[in-house]
């Protein structure tokens, strides 16, 4: 059976890698409770990690590896077309030459992380409905005076919110003194965007 060649962005493998592994990852935060056990919090979403190993062989083996390394240097996700699994949007997370490359032989390892967010065009802010219990963050009523308000959704992080609105993370943290631990925000919580 002839398999389709593996592709990522504009790079097509001259021959498919020899070894593939696929693993699932789930984001979990662990919080230590003073004088007690730790508490685990699921941060939502899971994603697949596709790892593999292969060789480039022939007169242009090292040039093929350099071309793949150039694709690795590009930022952002791309479409990964795999010979066995479905095509998916993924990030090129790691590339490694396993032994000293030669002009006619390069053994390498790679790793892709599936972009399982399902967001085309980025995250969208959801305006809060009604007041905010406990007055721990700005309400929709004073959002016009202080800027925008982002309502936290499952899987959000302050870093992602800052990136979404194009603000510095430090500025976002400073604008939200009600958030005691910047690494821990909860769905439904309102975040003021400066």
Protein backbone atom coordinates (compact mmCIF):
# COMPACT_ATOMS: atom_id res chain seq x y z
CA UNK A 1 0.00 0.00 0.00
CA UNK A 2 1.44 3.37 -1.02
CA UNK A 3 0.93 6.10 1.59
CA UNK A 4 0.60 9.78 0.78
CA UNK A 5 3.67 11.82 1.66
CA UNK A 6 3.70 13.74 4.93
CA UNK A 7 3.46 17.53 4.49
CA UNK A 8 3.62 20.60 6.73
CA UNK A 9 3.16 24.10 5.36
CA UNK A 10 5.21 24.16 2.13
CA UNK A 11 7.49 21.22 3.04
CA UNK A 12 6.79 17.74 1.67
CA UNK A 13 8.84 14.84 3.02
CA UNK A 14 10.70 13.04 0.19
CA UNK A 15 9.91 9.79 2.03
CA UNK A 16 7.79 9.40 5.14
CA UNK A 17 9.41 9.20 8.60
CA UNK A 18 10.09 5.69 9.90
CA UNK A 19 8.52 5.97 13.39
CA UNK A 20 5.38 7.76 14.62
CA UNK A 21 3.89 8.00 18.08
CA UNK A 22 0.75 9.86 19.03
CA UNK A 23 -0.04 10.81 22.60
CA UNK A 24 -2.82 12.80 24.21
CA UNK A 25 -2.10 15.62 26.66
CA UNK A 26 -4.49 17.29 29.10
CA UNK A 27 -3.75 20.61 30.80
CA UNK A 28 -3.86 20.24 34.58
CA UNK A 29 -2.72 22.68 37.27
CA UNK A 30 -1.56 21.44 40.66
CA UNK A 31 -2.02 23.77 43.65
CA UNK A 32 -0.34 22.97 46.94
CA UNK A 33 -2.57 23.45 49.98
CA UNK A 34 -0.62 24.54 53.08
CA UNK A 35 -0.25 21.62 55.50
CA UNK A 36 -2.42 19.43 53.30
CA UNK A 37 -2.63 17.55 50.06
CA UNK A 38 -2.46 19.21 46.69
CA UNK A 39 -5.52 20.19 44.69
CA UNK A 40 -5.65 19.52 40.98
CA UNK A 41 -7.59 21.66 38.52
CA UNK A 42 -8.35 20.66 34.96
CA UNK A 43 -7.73 23.63 32.71
CA UNK A 44 -9.71 22.18 29.85
CA UNK A 45 -8.93 20.80 26.48
CA UNK A 46 -6.58 18.11 25.46
CA UNK A 47 -4.36 17.95 22.45
CA UNK A 48 -2.42 15.35 20.56
CA UNK A 49 1.34 15.29 20.24
CA UNK A 50 2.71 13.61 17.11
CA UNK A 51 6.33 12.54 17.50
CA UNK A 52 8.46 10.69 15.05
CA UNK A 53 11.87 9.83 13.74
CA UNK A 54 13.16 9.47 10.23
CA UNK A 55 16.14 9.81 7.92
CA UNK A 56 16.96 11.83 4.86
CA UNK A 57 19.16 9.80 2.52
CA UNK A 58 20.89 10.68 -0.75
CA UNK A 59 23.01 13.45 -2.21
CA UNK A 60 20.66 16.18 -0.97
CA UNK A 61 19.95 14.71 2.50
CA UNK A 62 21.52 17.57 4.42
CA UNK A 63 19.82 20.14 2.19
CA UNK A 64 16.44 18.48 2.91
CA UNK A 65 17.12 18.72 6.64
CA UNK A 66 18.11 22.40 6.33
CA UNK A 67 14.88 23.07 4.41
CA UNK A 68 12.86 21.34 7.15
CA UNK A 69 14.76 23.39 9.77
CA UNK A 70 13.75 26.53 7.87
CA UNK A 71 10.09 25.51 8.12
CA UNK A 72 10.60 24.87 11.85
CA UNK A 73 11.85 28.47 12.26
CA UNK A 74 8.57 29.86 10.86
CA UNK A 75 6.11 31.01 13.51
CA UNK A 76 2.52 29.95 13.87
CA UNK A 77 0.57 26.80 13.13
CA UNK A 78 0.21 25.16 9.76
CA UNK A 79 -1.66 22.32 8.16
CA UNK A 80 -0.04 18.96 8.93
CA UNK A 81 -0.99 16.27 6.43
CA UNK A 82 -0.07 12.90 7.83
CA UNK A 83 -0.10 9.66 5.79
CA UNK A 84 -2.20 7.77 8.37
CA UNK A 85 -4.06 10.29 10.57
CA UNK A 86 -6.40 13.05 9.52
CA UNK A 87 -4.99 16.41 8.45
CA UNK A 88 -4.90 18.88 11.33
CA UNK A 89 -3.71 22.36 12.22
CA UNK A 90 -0.55 21.95 14.30
CA UNK A 91 2.50 23.71 15.70
CA UNK A 92 5.98 22.45 14.79
CA UNK A 93 7.22 22.11 18.37
CA UNK A 94 10.62 20.37 18.09
CA UNK A 95 13.23 19.30 15.55
CA UNK A 96 16.44 17.50 16.46
CA UNK A 97 19.34 15.99 14.51
CA UNK A 98 19.91 12.70 16.33
CA UNK A 99 23.50 12.13 15.23
CA UNK A 100 26.08 14.16 13.40
CA UNK A 101 24.58 14.93 9.99
CA UNK A 102 26.47 13.96 6.85
CA UNK A 103 25.85 15.40 3.39
CA UNK A 104 24.17 12.14 2.30
CA UNK A 105 22.52 10.97 5.57
CA UNK A 106 20.66 12.79 8.36
CA UNK A 107 18.73 11.05 11.15
CA UNK A 108 16.23 13.38 12.85
CA UNK A 109 13.37 13.54 15.36
CA UNK A 110 10.38 15.85 15.26
CA UNK A 111 7.36 16.81 17.34
CA UNK A 112 4.08 18.48 16.35
CA UNK A 113 1.40 19.71 18.76
CA UNK A 114 -2.15 19.63 17.50
CA UNK A 115 -3.89 23.01 17.64
CA UNK A 116 -7.05 21.59 19.20
CA UNK A 117 -8.46 24.98 20.16
CA UNK A 118 -10.85 24.98 17.24
CA UNK A 119 -10.64 28.77 17.07
CA UNK A 120 -10.48 30.21 13.57
CA UNK A 121 -9.61 33.85 14.03
CA UNK A 122 -8.73 33.70 17.73
CA UNK A 123 -10.60 33.88 20.98
CA UNK A 124 -13.63 36.15 21.23
CA UNK A 125 -14.58 38.19 24.28
CA UNK A 126 -18.02 37.53 25.71
CA UNK A 127 -19.58 40.53 27.42
CA UNK A 128 -20.90 39.70 30.90
CA UNK A 129 -24.64 39.64 31.44
CA UNK A 130 -25.89 41.40 34.58
CA UNK A 131 -23.75 42.27 37.59
CA UNK A 132 -20.73 40.49 38.93
CA UNK A 133 -21.25 38.71 42.26
CA UNK A 134 -18.95 39.88 45.02
CA UNK A 135 -17.76 42.96 43.09
CA UNK A 136 -14.41 41.27 42.62
CA UNK A 137 -14.00 42.70 39.10
CA UNK A 138 -15.47 45.44 36.97
CA UNK A 139 -19.04 45.10 35.80
CA UNK A 140 -20.33 45.69 32.31
CA UNK A 141 -21.74 49.01 33.53
CA UNK A 142 -18.35 50.60 34.09
CA UNK A 143 -16.58 48.85 31.22
CA UNK A 144 -16.89 51.93 29.00
CA UNK A 145 -15.04 54.02 31.59
CA UNK A 146 -12.20 51.59 32.19
CA UNK A 147 -11.86 49.78 28.86
CA UNK A 148 -13.11 46.37 27.81
CA UNK A 149 -14.14 43.50 30.06
CA UNK A 150 -13.32 39.93 29.10
CA UNK A 151 -15.35 37.13 30.70
CA UNK A 152 -13.13 34.14 31.38
CA UNK A 153 -14.06 30.94 29.59
CA UNK A 154 -12.85 27.42 30.37
CA UNK A 155 -9.22 27.08 29.30
CA UNK A 156 -8.45 30.84 29.27
CA UNK A 157 -5.22 32.17 30.76
CA UNK A 158 -4.22 35.77 31.45
CA UNK A 159 -1.43 35.36 28.90
CA UNK A 160 -3.95 34.34 26.21
CA UNK A 161 -6.29 37.22 27.12
CA UNK A 162 -3.39 39.70 26.94
CA UNK A 163 -2.37 38.33 23.56
CA UNK A 164 -5.96 38.42 22.28
CA UNK A 165 -6.37 42.12 23.10
CA UNK A 166 -2.80 43.11 22.20
CA UNK A 167 -1.82 44.31 25.67
CA UNK A 168 1.21 43.55 27.82
CA UNK A 169 0.69 40.79 30.38
CA UNK A 170 2.09 43.02 33.16
CA UNK A 171 -0.45 45.75 32.28
CA UNK A 172 -3.30 43.23 32.34
CA UNK A 173 -2.22 41.91 35.75
CA UNK A 174 -1.88 45.48 37.11
CA UNK A 175 -5.38 46.38 35.86
CA UNK A 176 -6.86 43.42 37.76
CA UNK A 177 -5.73 43.61 41.41
CA UNK A 178 -8.70 41.43 42.40
CA UNK A 179 -6.90 38.46 40.81
CA UNK A 180 -4.66 37.27 43.63
CA UNK A 181 -2.93 34.52 41.63
CA UNK A 182 -2.37 35.44 37.94
CA UNK A 183 -1.86 31.76 37.16
CA UNK A 184 -5.35 30.88 38.37
CA UNK A 185 -8.47 32.38 36.81
CA UNK A 186 -11.93 30.86 36.74
CA UNK A 187 -14.69 30.64 34.11
CA UNK A 188 -17.19 33.48 34.53
CA UNK A 189 -14.66 35.79 36.17
CA UNK A 190 -14.45 39.29 34.65
CA UNK A 191 -11.03 40.58 33.56
CA UNK A 192 -10.58 44.31 32.91
CA UNK A 193 -8.59 44.97 29.72
CA UNK A 194 -6.63 48.25 29.94
